[in-house]
C-alpha atoms as a PDB file:
ATOM      1  CA  MET A   1      90.940 129.410 131.194  1.00  0.00           C
ATOM      2  CA  ILE A   2      89.175 126.086 130.828  1.00  0.00           C
ATOM      3  CA  PHE A   3      91.524 123.839 128.862  1.00  0.00           C
ATOM      4  CA  GLU A   4      91.652 120.137 128.090  1.00  0.00           C
ATOM      5  CA  GLN A   5      93.851 118.390 125.518  1.00  0.00           C
ATOM      6  CA  ILE A   6      92.613 115.064 124.172  1.00  0.00           C
ATOM      7  CA  ALA A   7      95.032 112.820 122.270  1.00  0.00           C
ATOM      8  CA  THR A   8      93.855 110.045 119.956  1.00  0.00           C
ATOM      9  CA  GLY A   9      96.923 108.345 118.588  1.00  0.00           C
ATOM     10  CA  GLY A  10      98.606 111.218 116.789  1.00  0.00           C
ATOM     11  CA  CYS A  11      95.469 113.350 116.568  1.00  0.00           C
ATOM     12  CA  GLN A  12      95.104 116.210 119.034  1.00  0.00           C
ATOM     13  CA  SER A  13      91.841 117.924 119.886  1.00  0.00           C
ATOM     14  CA  TYR A  14      91.191 120.662 122.399  1.00  0.00           C
ATOM     15  CA  LEU A  15      88.400 121.840 124.666  1.00  0.00           C
ATOM     16  CA  LEU A  16      88.797 125.393 125.880  1.00  0.00           C
ATOM     17  CA  GLY A  17      86.613 128.143 127.194  1.00  0.00           C
ATOM     18  CA  CYS A  18      85.754 130.854 129.651  1.00  0.00           C
ATOM     19  CA  PRO A  19      85.706 129.837 133.351  1.00  0.00           C
ATOM     20  CA  ASP A  20      83.297 132.650 134.232  1.00  0.00           C
ATOM     21  CA  THR A  21      80.577 131.623 131.772  1.00  0.00           C
ATOM     22  CA  CYS A  22      81.511 127.960 131.043  1.00  0.00           C
ATOM     23  CA  ALA A  23      81.155 128.744 127.324  1.00  0.00           C
ATOM     24  CA  THR A  24      83.585 126.493 125.458  1.00  0.00           C
ATOM     25  CA  ALA A  25      84.750 125.454 122.006  1.00  0.00           C
ATOM     26  CA  LEU A  26      85.893 122.037 120.827  1.00  0.00           C
ATOM     27  CA  ILE A  27      88.689 122.161 118.254  1.00  0.00           C
ATOM     28  CA  ASP A  28      89.464 119.397 115.731  1.00  0.00           C
ATOM     29  CA  PRO A  29      87.353 116.618 117.308  1.00  0.00           C
ATOM     30  CA  GLU A  30      88.021 113.024 116.253  1.00  0.00           C
ATOM     31  CA  VAL A  31      85.119 110.637 115.737  1.00  0.00           C
ATOM     32  CA  SER A  32      86.242 107.881 118.124  1.00  0.00           C
ATOM     33  CA  GLN A  33      86.255 110.311 121.068  1.00  0.00           C
ATOM     34  CA  ILE A  34      82.676 111.605 120.870  1.00  0.00           C
ATOM     35  CA  ASP A  35      81.602 110.039 124.165  1.00  0.00           C
ATOM     36  CA  ARG A  36      84.711 111.424 125.859  1.00  0.00           C
ATOM     37  CA  TYR A  37      83.998 114.972 124.690  1.00  0.00           C
ATOM     38  CA  LEU A  38      80.422 114.715 125.924  1.00  0.00           C
ATOM     39  CA  ALA A  39      81.580 113.291 129.251  1.00  0.00           C
ATOM     40  CA  LEU A  40      84.103 116.096 129.777  1.00  0.00           C
ATOM     41  CA  ALA A  41      81.471 118.723 129.086  1.00  0.00           C
ATOM     42  CA  SER A  42      79.018 117.046 131.444  1.00  0.00           C
ATOM     43  CA  ARG A  43      81.591 116.553 134.206  1.00  0.00           C
ATOM     44  CA  ASP A  44      82.507 120.230 134.325  1.00  0.00           C
ATOM     45  CA  ALA A  45      79.052 121.639 133.455  1.00  0.00           C
ATOM     46  CA  LEU A  46      80.411 123.187 130.264  1.00  0.00           C
ATOM     47  CA  ARG A  47      78.387 124.549 127.376  1.00  0.00           C
ATOM     48  CA  ILE A  48      80.109 123.630 124.117  1.00  0.00           C
ATOM     49  CA  ARG A  49      78.915 126.446 121.877  1.00  0.00           C
ATOM     50  CA  PHE A  50      81.218 125.908 118.896  1.00  0.00           C
ATOM     51  CA  VAL A  51      82.776 122.834 117.296  1.00  0.00           C
ATOM     52  CA  ILE A  52      85.645 123.957 115.090  1.00  0.00           C
ATOM     53  CA  ASP A  53      87.668 122.181 112.413  1.00  0.00           C
ATOM     54  CA  THR A  54      90.852 124.053 111.556  1.00  0.00           C
ATOM     55  CA  HIS A  55      90.795 122.546 108.039  1.00  0.00           C
ATOM     56  CA  THR A  56      89.411 119.698 105.948  1.00  0.00           C
ATOM     57  CA  HIS A  57      91.138 116.680 107.462  1.00  0.00           C
ATOM     58  CA  ALA A  58      92.478 113.925 105.230  1.00  0.00           C
ATOM     59  CA  ASP A  59      93.910 111.601 107.876  1.00  0.00           C
ATOM     60  CA  HIS A  60      91.062 111.210 110.358  1.00  0.00           C
ATOM     61  CA  PHE A  61      87.311 111.505 110.545  1.00  0.00           C
ATOM     62  CA  SER A  62      85.917 114.715 111.972  1.00  0.00           C
ATOM     63  CA  ALA A  63      83.320 114.439 114.730  1.00  0.00           C
ATOM     64  CA  ALA A  64      82.255 118.073 114.398  1.00  0.00           C
ATOM     65  CA  ARG A  65      78.785 117.532 112.988  1.00  0.00           C
ATOM     66  CA  GLN A  66      77.927 114.654 115.320  1.00  0.00           C
ATOM     67  CA  VAL A  67      79.024 116.526 118.459  1.00  0.00           C
ATOM     68  CA  ALA A  68      77.288 119.705 117.332  1.00  0.00           C
ATOM     69  CA  ASP A  69      74.050 117.833 116.677  1.00  0.00           C
ATOM     70  CA  ARG A  70      74.166 116.175 120.097  1.00  0.00           C
ATOM     71  CA  LEU A  71      74.845 119.434 121.954  1.00  0.00           C
ATOM     72  CA  HIS A  72      72.997 121.925 119.745  1.00  0.00           C
ATOM     73  CA  ALA A  73      76.290 123.679 119.058  1.00  0.00           C
ATOM     74  CA  LYS A  74      77.422 125.464 115.893  1.00  0.00           C
ATOM     75  CA  THR A  75      79.982 123.975 113.517  1.00  0.00           C
ATOM     76  CA  VAL A  76      82.702 126.388 112.447  1.00  0.00           C
ATOM     77  CA  MET A  77      85.129 126.263 109.510  1.00  0.00           C
ATOM     78  CA  HIS A  78      86.902 128.728 107.255  1.00  0.00           C
ATOM     79  CA  ILE A  79      84.817 130.283 104.518  1.00  0.00           C
ATOM     80  CA  ARG A  80      86.804 128.381 101.877  1.00  0.00           C
ATOM     81  CA  SER A  81      85.905 124.991 103.330  1.00  0.00           C
ATOM     82  CA  PRO A  82      84.091 122.721 100.835  1.00  0.00           C
ATOM     83  CA  ALA A  83      82.129 120.966 103.602  1.00  0.00           C
ATOM     84  CA  PRO A  84      78.359 121.514 103.346  1.00  0.00           C
ATOM     85  CA  GLY A  85      76.079 122.540 106.185  1.00  0.00           C
ATOM     86  CA  ILE A  86      78.620 124.513 108.209  1.00  0.00           C
ATOM     87  CA  ASP A  87      76.726 126.746 110.635  1.00  0.00           C
ATOM     88  CA  MET A  88      79.277 129.541 110.842  1.00  0.00           C
ATOM     89  CA  ARG A  89      81.909 130.194 108.195  1.00  0.00           C
ATOM     90  CA  VAL A  90      84.651 132.545 109.343  1.00  0.00           C
ATOM     91  CA  ASP A  91      87.285 134.587 107.546  1.00  0.00           C
ATOM     92  CA  ASP A  92      90.678 136.045 108.289  1.00  0.00           C
ATOM     93  CA  GLY A  93      90.735 138.597 111.098  1.00  0.00           C
ATOM     94  CA  GLU A  94      87.378 137.638 112.592  1.00  0.00           C
ATOM     95  CA  SER A  95      87.060 136.354 116.158  1.00  0.00           C
ATOM     96  CA  ILE A  96      85.050 133.651 117.858  1.00  0.00           C
ATOM     97  CA  ALA A  97      83.691 134.740 121.238  1.00  0.00           C
ATOM     98  CA  LEU A  98      83.684 132.362 124.200  1.00  0.00           C
ATOM     99  CA  GLY A  99      82.408 134.408 127.106  1.00  0.00           C
ATOM    100  CA  LYS A 100      85.291 136.720 127.887  1.00  0.00           C
ATOM    101  CA  LEU A 101      87.714 134.796 125.689  1.00  0.00           C
ATOM    102  CA  ARG A 102      88.367 135.467 122.015  1.00  0.00           C
ATOM    103  CA  LEU A 103      89.895 133.245 119.349  1.00  0.00           C
ATOM    104  CA  ARG A 104      91.124 135.244 116.354  1.00  0.00           C
ATOM    105  CA  VAL A 105      90.969 133.547 112.972  1.00  0.00           C
ATOM    106  CA  MET A 106      94.150 133.594 110.895  1.00  0.00           C
ATOM    107  CA  HIS A 107      93.739 132.139 107.415  1.00  0.00           C
ATOM    108  CA  THR A 108      96.859 130.070 106.740  1.00  0.00           C
ATOM    109  CA  PRO A 109      96.435 128.188 103.433  1.00  0.00           C
ATOM    110  CA  GLY A 110      99.088 125.758 102.294  1.00  0.00           C
ATOM    111  CA  HIS A 111      98.368 122.399 103.888  1.00  0.00           C
ATOM    112  CA  THR A 112      94.835 122.883 102.541  1.00  0.00           C
ATOM    113  CA  ALA A 113      93.158 125.909 100.982  1.00  0.00           C
ATOM    114  CA  ASP A 114      90.844 126.249 103.986  1.00  0.00           C
ATOM    115  CA  SER A 115      93.469 125.923 106.721  1.00  0.00           C
ATOM    116  CA  MET A 116      93.232 128.396 109.564  1.00  0.00           C
ATOM    117  CA  CYS A 117      94.928 128.976 112.907  1.00  0.00           C
ATOM    118  CA  LEU A 118      93.113 130.175 116.016  1.00  0.00           C
ATOM    119  CA  VAL A 119      95.022 132.751 118.038  1.00  0.00           C
ATOM    120  CA  GLY A 120      94.277 133.176 121.736  1.00  0.00           C
ATOM    121  CA  SER A 121      95.838 135.364 124.392  1.00  0.00           C
ATOM    122  CA  ASP A 122      98.703 133.011 125.227  1.00  0.00           C
ATOM    123  CA  ARG A 123      98.439 130.190 122.678  1.00  0.00           C
ATOM    124  CA  VAL A 124      97.708 129.425 119.056  1.00  0.00           C
ATOM    125  CA  PHE A 125      95.952 126.362 117.687  1.00  0.00           C
ATOM    126  CA  THR A 126      97.804 125.744 114.443  1.00  0.00           C
ATOM    127  CA  GLY A 127      95.900 122.826 112.911  1.00  0.00           C
ATOM    128  CA  ASP A 128      98.268 121.227 110.394  1.00  0.00           C
ATOM    129  CA  THR A 129      99.878 124.492 109.327  1.00  0.00           C
ATOM    130  CA  LEU A 130     102.637 124.281 111.948  1.00  0.00           C
ATOM    131  CA  LEU A 131     103.476 121.085 113.801  1.00  0.00           C
ATOM    132  CA  ILE A 132     105.994 120.480 116.564  1.00  0.00           C
ATOM    133  CA  GLY A 133     109.223 119.978 114.639  1.00  0.00           C
ATOM    134  CA  GLY A 134     107.437 120.004 111.291  1.00  0.00           C
ATOM    135  CA  THR A 135     104.765 121.522 109.083  1.00  0.00           C
ATOM    136  CA  GLY A 136     101.698 120.245 107.333  1.00  0.00           C
ATOM    137  CA  ARG A 137     102.303 118.404 104.083  1.00  0.00           C
ATOM    138  CA  THR A 138     101.339 120.074 100.800  1.00  0.00           C
ATOM    139  CA  ASP A 139     100.904 117.072  98.487  1.00  0.00           C
ATOM    140  CA  LEU A 140      97.248 116.357  99.323  1.00  0.00           C
ATOM    141  CA  PRO A 141      94.234 117.953  97.567  1.00  0.00           C
ATOM    142  CA  THR A 142      94.364 121.811  97.645  1.00  0.00           C
ATOM    143  CA  GLY A 143      97.866 121.731  99.155  1.00  0.00           C
ATOM    144  CA  ASP A 144     100.244 124.469  97.994  1.00  0.00           C
ATOM    145  CA  PRO A 145     103.863 124.872  99.219  1.00  0.00           C
ATOM    146  CA  VAL A 146     104.072 128.492  98.028  1.00  0.00           C
ATOM    147  CA  ALA A 147     100.957 129.377 100.023  1.00  0.00           C
ATOM    148  CA  LEU A 148     102.272 127.495 103.059  1.00  0.00           C
ATOM    149  CA  HIS A 149     105.535 129.448 102.938  1.00  0.00           C
ATOM    150  CA  ALA A 150     103.616 132.731 102.967  1.00  0.00           C
ATOM    151  CA  SER A 151     101.316 131.560 105.768  1.00  0.00           C
ATOM    152  CA  LEU A 152     104.291 130.575 107.909  1.00  0.00           C
ATOM    153  CA  PHE A 153     106.956 133.194 107.289  1.00  0.00           C
ATOM    154  CA  ASP A 154     104.776 136.193 106.515  1.00  0.00           C
ATOM    155  CA  ARG A 155     102.123 135.596 109.161  1.00  0.00           C
ATOM    156  CA  LEU A 156     102.179 132.823 111.750  1.00  0.00           C
ATOM    157  CA  LEU A 157     105.859 132.986 112.664  1.00  0.00           C
ATOM    158  CA  LYS A 158     105.635 136.743 113.187  1.00  0.00           C
ATOM    159  CA  LEU A 159     103.397 136.246 116.199  1.00  0.00           C
ATOM    160  CA  ASP A 160     104.766 136.609 119.743  1.00  0.00           C
ATOM    161  CA  PRO A 161     107.572 134.011 120.143  1.00  0.00           C
ATOM    162  CA  ALA A 162     106.181 133.161 123.598  1.00  0.00           C
ATOM    163  CA  LEU A 163     102.832 131.983 122.213  1.00  0.00           C
ATOM    164  CA  LYS A 164     102.268 128.300 122.913  1.00  0.00           C
ATOM    165  CA  VAL A 165     101.746 126.149 119.836  1.00  0.00           C
ATOM    166  CA  TYR A 166      99.053 123.467 119.951  1.00  0.00           C
ATOM    167  CA  PRO A 167      98.884 121.550 116.637  1.00  0.00           C
ATOM    168  CA  ALA A 168      96.221 119.157 115.371  1.00  0.00           C
ATOM    169  CA  HIS A 169      98.721 116.287 115.272  1.00  0.00           C
ATOM    170  CA  ASP A 170     101.761 115.062 117.137  1.00  0.00           C
ATOM    171  CA  TYR A 171     102.997 111.491 117.005  1.00  0.00           C
ATOM    172  CA  LYS A 172     105.718 111.687 119.669  1.00  0.00           C
ATOM    173  CA  GLY A 173     103.673 112.361 122.776  1.00  0.00           C
ATOM    174  CA  ARG A 174     104.477 116.079 122.996  1.00  0.00           C
ATOM    175  CA  SER A 175     101.724 118.370 124.223  1.00  0.00           C
ATOM    176  CA  HIS A 176     102.848 121.753 122.865  1.00  0.00           C
ATOM    177  CA  SER A 177     105.717 123.982 121.821  1.00  0.00           C
ATOM    178  CA  THR A 178     106.140 127.735 121.315  1.00  0.00           C
ATOM    179  CA  ILE A 179     106.571 129.923 118.256  1.00  0.00           C
ATOM    180  CA  GLY A 180     110.085 130.773 119.441  1.00  0.00           C
ATOM    181  CA  ASP A 181     111.058 127.131 119.951  1.00  0.00           C
ATOM    182  CA  GLU A 182     109.832 126.237 116.470  1.00  0.00           C
ATOM    183  CA  LEU A 183     111.754 129.070 114.871  1.00  0.00           C
ATOM    184  CA  ARG A 184     114.932 127.840 116.567  1.00  0.00           C
ATOM    185  CA  THR A 185     114.585 124.070 116.247  1.00  0.00           C
ATOM    186  CA  ASN A 186     112.054 123.108 113.572  1.00  0.00           C
ATOM    187  CA  PRO A 187     114.128 121.748 110.647  1.00  0.00           C
ATOM    188  CA  ARG A 188     111.539 122.723 108.027  1.00  0.00           C
ATOM    189  CA  LEU A 189     111.645 126.340 109.148  1.00  0.00           C
ATOM    190  CA  GLN A 190     115.371 126.596 108.495  1.00  0.00           C
ATOM    191  CA  HIS A 191     114.547 126.809 104.770  1.00  0.00           C
ATOM    192  CA  SER A 192     113.200 130.343 104.949  1.00  0.00           C
ATOM    193  CA  GLU A 193     113.841 131.265 101.314  1.00  0.00           C
ATOM    194  CA  LEU A 194     110.831 130.534  99.133  1.00  0.00           C
ATOM    195  CA  GLU A 195     112.568 128.436  96.486  1.00  0.00           C
ATOM    196  CA  ALA A 196     114.414 126.324  99.046  1.00  0.00           C
ATOM    197  CA  PHE A 197     111.239 125.774 101.064  1.00  0.00           C
ATOM    198  CA  VAL A 198     109.188 124.758  98.031  1.00  0.00           C
ATOM    199  CA  ARG A 199     111.949 122.441  96.839  1.00  0.00           C
ATOM    200  CA  MET A 200     112.113 120.808 100.283  1.00  0.00           C
ATOM    201  CA  MET A 201     108.316 120.325 100.485  1.00  0.00           C
ATOM    202  CA  LYS A 202     108.131 118.803  97.010  1.00  0.00           C
ATOM    203  CA  ALA A 203     110.957 116.406  97.834  1.00  0.00           C
ATOM    204  CA  LEU A 204     109.231 114.942 100.911  1.00  0.00           C
ATOM    205  CA  ASP A 205     108.499 111.270 100.331  1.00  0.00           C
ATOM    206  CA  LEU A 206     105.510 110.795 102.620  1.00  0.00           C
ATOM    207  CA  SER A 207     103.147 107.847 102.660  1.00  0.00           C
ATOM    208  CA  MET A 208      99.484 108.524 102.025  1.00  0.00           C
ATOM    209  CA  PRO A 209      97.106 108.573 105.018  1.00  0.00           C
ATOM    210  CA  THR A 210      95.432 105.214 105.581  1.00  0.00           C
ATOM    211  CA  HIS A 211      91.887 106.477 105.130  1.00  0.00           C
ATOM    212  CA  LEU A 212      92.627 109.294 102.682  1.00  0.00           C
ATOM    213  CA  THR A 213      89.747 108.745 100.236  1.00  0.00           C
ATOM    214  CA  GLU A 214      87.123 107.999 102.874  1.00  0.00           C
ATOM    215  CA  ALA A 215      88.248 110.803 105.187  1.00  0.00           C
ATOM    216  CA  LEU A 216      88.161 113.390 102.424  1.00  0.00           C
ATOM    217  CA  ARG A 217      84.808 112.116 101.181  1.00  0.00           C
ATOM    218  CA  THR A 218      83.125 112.266 104.572  1.00  0.00           C
ATOM    219  CA  ASN A 219      84.803 115.440 105.836  1.00  0.00           C
ATOM    220  CA  MET A 220      84.128 117.319 102.592  1.00  0.00           C
ATOM    221  CA  SER A 221      80.584 116.074 102.047  1.00  0.00           C
ATOM    222  CA  GLY A 222      79.221 115.542 105.531  1.00  0.00           C
ATOM    223  CA  GLY A 223      78.550 111.901 104.634  1.00  0.00           C
ATOM    224  CA  LYS A 224      78.987 108.896 106.882  1.00  0.00           C
ATOM    225  CA  THR A 225      81.999 106.639 107.293  1.00  0.00           C
ATOM    226  CA  VAL A 226      81.696 102.875 107.048  1.00  0.00           C
ATOM    227  CA  THR A 227      82.602 102.657 110.732  1.00  0.00           C
ATOM    228  CA  GLN A 228      79.844 105.101 111.615  1.00  0.00           C
ATOM    229  CA  MET A 229      77.281 103.178 109.561  1.00  0.00           C
ATOM    230  CA  LEU A 230      78.282  99.931 111.250  1.00  0.00           C
ATOM    231  CA  ALA A 231      78.135 101.508 114.712  1.00  0.00           C
ATOM    232  CA  GLU A 232      74.669 102.908 114.043  1.00  0.00           C
ATOM    233  CA  ALA A 233      73.495  99.540 112.747  1.00  0.00           C
ATOM    234  CA  ALA A 234      74.976  97.664 115.714  1.00  0.00           C
ATOM    235  CA  ALA A 235      73.214 100.030 118.084  1.00  0.00           C
ATOM    236  CA  CYS A 236      69.781  99.013 116.827  1.00  0.00           C
ATOM    237  CA  VAL A 237      70.046  95.238 116.334  1.00  0.00           C
ATOM    238  CA  PRO A 238      70.598  92.341 118.759  1.00  0.00           C
ATOM    239  CA  PHE A 239      73.190  89.649 118.095  1.00  0.00           C
ATOM    240  CA  MET A 240      73.208  85.872 118.390  1.00  0.00           C
ATOM    241  CA  SER A 241      76.425  84.092 119.330  1.00  0.00           C
ATOM    242  CA  MET A 242      77.888  81.436 117.081  1.00  0.00           C
ATOM    243  CA  GLU A 243      77.489  78.862 119.853  1.00  0.00           C
ATOM    244  CA  GLU A 244      73.804  79.675 120.278  1.00  0.00           C
ATOM    245  CA  LEU A 245      73.143  79.479 116.549  1.00  0.00           C
ATOM    246  CA  ARG A 246      75.067  76.206 116.243  1.00  0.00           C
ATOM    247  CA  ASP A 247      72.942  74.647 119.005  1.00  0.00           C
ATOM    248  CA  ARG A 248      69.742  75.838 117.353  1.00  0.00           C
ATOM    249  CA  VAL A 249      70.804  74.561 113.929  1.00  0.00           C
ATOM    250  CA  GLU A 250      71.735  71.160 115.362  1.00  0.00           C
ATOM    251  CA  ALA A 251      68.383  70.951 117.204  1.00  0.00           C
ATOM    252  CA  GLY A 252      66.572  71.079 113.874  1.00  0.00           C
ATOM    253  CA  PRO A 253      64.031  73.496 112.371  1.00  0.00           C
ATOM    254  CA  GLN A 254      62.358  75.588 115.045  1.00  0.00           C
ATOM    255  CA  GLY A 255      61.007  78.444 112.979  1.00  0.00           C
ATOM    256  CA  LEU A 256      64.406  80.149 112.754  1.00  0.00           C
ATOM    257  CA  VAL A 257      65.462  81.552 109.364  1.00  0.00           C
ATOM    258  CA  VAL A 258      69.214  81.768 108.837  1.00  0.00           C
ATOM    259  CA  LEU A 259      69.689  84.349 106.091  1.00  0.00           C
ATOM    260  CA  ASP A 260      73.047  84.332 104.303  1.00  0.00           C
ATOM    261  CA  VAL A 261      73.574  87.741 102.697  1.00  0.00           C
ATOM    262  CA  ARG A 262      76.798  86.945 100.834  1.00  0.00           C
ATOM    263  CA  GLU A 263      77.060  86.473  97.074  1.00  0.00           C
ATOM    264  CA  ARG A 264      76.104  83.133  95.522  1.00  0.00           C
ATOM    265  CA  ASP A 265      79.636  81.827  94.928  1.00  0.00           C
ATOM    266  CA  ALA A 266      80.592  82.374  98.589  1.00  0.00           C
ATOM    267  CA  TYR A 267      77.333  80.777  99.740  1.00  0.00           C
ATOM    268  CA  GLU A 268      77.775  77.690  97.571  1.00  0.00           C
ATOM    269  CA  ALA A 269      81.386  77.277  98.736  1.00  0.00           C
ATOM    270  CA  GLY A 270      80.119  76.724 102.286  1.00  0.00           C
ATOM    271  CA  HIS A 271      77.193  77.967 104.360  1.00  0.00           C
ATOM    272  CA  ILE A 272      75.407  77.246 107.624  1.00  0.00           C
ATOM    273  CA  PRO A 273      73.164  74.172 107.204  1.00  0.00           C
ATOM    274  CA  GLY A 274      69.680  75.192 106.139  1.00  0.00           C
ATOM    275  CA  ALA A 275      70.608  78.826 105.495  1.00  0.00           C
ATOM    276  CA  ARG A 276      68.757  80.719 102.787  1.00  0.00           C
ATOM    277  CA  LEU A 277      70.625  82.851 100.275  1.00  0.00           C
ATOM    278  CA  LEU A 278      69.596  86.488  99.810  1.00  0.00           C
ATOM    279  CA  PRO A 279      72.548  88.681  98.787  1.00  0.00           C
ATOM    280  CA  ARG A 280      72.699  92.042 100.520  1.00  0.00           C
ATOM    281  CA  GLY A 281      72.597  93.861  97.193  1.00  0.00           C
ATOM    282  CA  GLN A 282      69.202  92.305  96.402  1.00  0.00           C
ATOM    283  CA  LEU A 283      67.719  92.496  99.879  1.00  0.00           C
ATOM    284  CA  GLU A 284      65.270  95.362  99.427  1.00  0.00           C
ATOM    285  CA  LEU A 285      64.118  94.126  95.999  1.00  0.00           C
ATOM    286  CA  ARG A 286      63.492  90.469  96.929  1.00  0.00           C
ATOM    287  CA  VAL A 287      62.570  90.633 100.596  1.00  0.00           C
ATOM    288  CA  ASN A 288      58.806  90.343 100.029  1.00  0.00           C
ATOM    289  CA  GLU A 289      59.039  87.114  98.031  1.00  0.00           C
ATOM    290  CA  GLU A 290      61.821  85.579 100.113  1.00  0.00           C
ATOM    291  CA  LEU A 291      60.531  86.584 103.561  1.00  0.00           C
ATOM    292  CA  PRO A 292      56.733  86.824 103.331  1.00  0.00           C
ATOM    293  CA  ASP A 293      56.273  86.526 107.125  1.00  0.00           C
ATOM    294  CA  PRO A 294      57.292  89.759 108.907  1.00  0.00           C
ATOM    295  CA  THR A 295      57.012  87.983 112.280  1.00  0.00           C
ATOM    296  CA  ALA A 296      59.628  85.352 111.407  1.00  0.00           C
ATOM    297  CA  ARG A 297      62.688  85.044 113.597  1.00  0.00           C
ATOM    298  CA  ILE A 298      65.730  85.724 111.416  1.00  0.00           C
ATOM    299  CA  VAL A 299      69.483  85.622 111.929  1.00  0.00           C
ATOM    300  CA  THR A 300      71.612  87.243 109.234  1.00  0.00           C
ATOM    301  CA  CYS A 301      75.151  86.091 108.467  1.00  0.00           C
ATOM    302  CA  CYS A 302      77.980  87.063 106.126  1.00  0.00           C
ATOM    303  CA  GLU A 303      81.713  86.452 105.820  1.00  0.00           C
ATOM    304  CA  PHE A 304      82.985  88.741 108.602  1.00  0.00           C
ATOM    305  CA  GLY A 305      79.868  89.927 110.435  1.00  0.00           C
ATOM    306  CA  ARG A 306      79.761  93.474 109.090  1.00  0.00           C
ATOM    307  CA  ILE A 307      77.448  93.247 106.083  1.00  0.00           C
ATOM    308  CA  SER A 308      75.094  91.018 108.068  1.00  0.00           C
ATOM    309  CA  THR A 309      74.835  93.746 110.735  1.00  0.00           C
ATOM    310  CA  LEU A 310      73.857  96.290 108.090  1.00  0.00           C
ATOM    311  CA  ALA A 311      71.381  93.813 106.590  1.00  0.00           C
ATOM    312  CA  ALA A 312      69.769  93.163 109.982  1.00  0.00           C
ATOM    313  CA  ALA A 313      69.392  96.898 110.582  1.00  0.00           C
ATOM    314  CA  THR A 314      67.800  97.322 107.157  1.00  0.00           C
ATOM    315  CA  LEU A 315      65.336  94.501 107.791  1.00  0.00           C
ATOM    316  CA  ARG A 316      64.346  96.046 111.105  1.00  0.00           C
ATOM    317  CA  THR A 317      63.606  99.366 109.430  1.00  0.00           C
ATOM    318  CA  MET A 318      61.418  97.432 106.974  1.00  0.00           C
ATOM    319  CA  GLY A 319      59.324  95.949 109.764  1.00  0.00           C
ATOM    320  CA  PHE A 320      61.063  92.658 110.585  1.00  0.00           C
ATOM    321  CA  GLN A 321      61.341  93.140 114.341  1.00  0.00           C
ATOM    322  CA  ARG A 322      62.628  89.643 115.162  1.00  0.00           C
ATOM    323  CA  VAL A 323      65.887  89.997 113.276  1.00  0.00           C
ATOM    324  CA  ALA A 324      69.297  89.478 114.862  1.00  0.00           C
ATOM    325  CA  ALA A 325      72.783  89.382 113.347  1.00  0.00           C
ATOM    326  CA  LEU A 326      75.270  86.592 113.859  1.00  0.00           C
ATOM    327  CA  ASP A 327      77.989  87.776 116.252  1.00  0.00           C
ATOM    328  CA  GLY A 328      80.862  86.871 113.964  1.00  0.00           C
ATOM    329  CA  GLY A 329      80.970  85.619 110.389  1.00  0.00           C
ATOM    330  CA  MET A 330      81.373  82.524 108.280  1.00  0.00           C
ATOM    331  CA  LYS A 331      85.145  82.797 108.482  1.00  0.00           C
ATOM    332  CA  ALA A 332      85.025  82.484 112.282  1.00  0.00           C
ATOM    333  CA  TRP A 333      82.266  79.846 112.037  1.00  0.00           C
ATOM    334  CA  LYS A 334      84.462  77.629 109.860  1.00  0.00           C
ATOM    335  CA  GLU A 335      87.560  78.232 111.985  1.00  0.00           C
ATOM    336  CA  ALA A 336      85.576  77.072 115.017  1.00  0.00           C
ATOM    337  CA  GLY A 337      84.838  73.802 113.235  1.00  0.00           C
ATOM    338  CA  TYR A 338      81.067  74.345 113.155  1.00  0.00           C
ATOM    339  CA  PRO A 339      79.026  72.449 110.517  1.00  0.00           C
ATOM    340  CA  THR A 340      78.653  73.760 106.981  1.00  0.00           C
ATOM    341  CA  GLN A 341      76.990  72.694 103.740  1.00  0.00           C
ATOM    342  CA  SER A 342      78.153  73.419 100.210  1.00  0.00           C
ATOM    343  CA  GLY A 343      76.348  73.818  96.919  1.00  0.00           C
ATOM    344  CA  ALA A 344      72.977  75.380  96.160  1.00  0.00           C
ATOM    345  CA  ARG A 345      70.180  75.037  98.680  1.00  0.00           C
END
């Protein structure tokens, strides 16, 4: 069996497949590891045919759609997943074929309504249904402790005790466990009676995931994260260092337009000498009157360097091909002791 486990903090993703055909699947990919997944597939001449999310993640951003688009693979989720544009929706008892290998779908709602486990010949990928020494939480959207109890005690835990358990998360550096080990040592599984289990799950005082709202929004809708938008913008615009811009500003007007895309109050509190004000929210509506020359050399700036990167990318799509973004923001500019002006221009 082709098998690779990729850890990203506490997130675990898996690449597995058939050694005879090199057909593989990528399970629970995380967005910061896209290049690594592609490199692994290229290194071993693998064909990633399926990119699978075991459930709608609330604590990290899925890379399923991006990897699938890059490799012409099919995205796979349970039929109850709310995510749009899934290529193959699967249901309980069906199997995903990877050459001579098969992954059987086991619908295990509880952590989320669309949670599923993938059962192989000697291992099971449990998503967030069963963790090493724990279980998935049930206090997030579509979570249900009664459903989780049934998924665990009536289904998953009745599998072969020797099956290796590979969860979607582990924060203690452990690679895997077994069904038997979890039955013996997992403290949450010692509450096998329904009422006791539900009472225990409802009493858990867990902090909310850092990116809960954004992760659910993007994973459920197929939309883009702020990080993804910034990365895409940064990939299509050049940058100018603060030192370079300072030298050019001090040398006097040389046909360079410094465009401050913050709001007026921030601009008037302190801006780069000679900078023009054009708030990002008004950019598309006022660009023709404020920047009549599409050949002008422009450097955008903002408070931290993020909004200015997005603004520079937008201007480039509108035809301003000599636009760069300041590598940094006004906060760093001021901390460096570079010159500023205050008030209206």
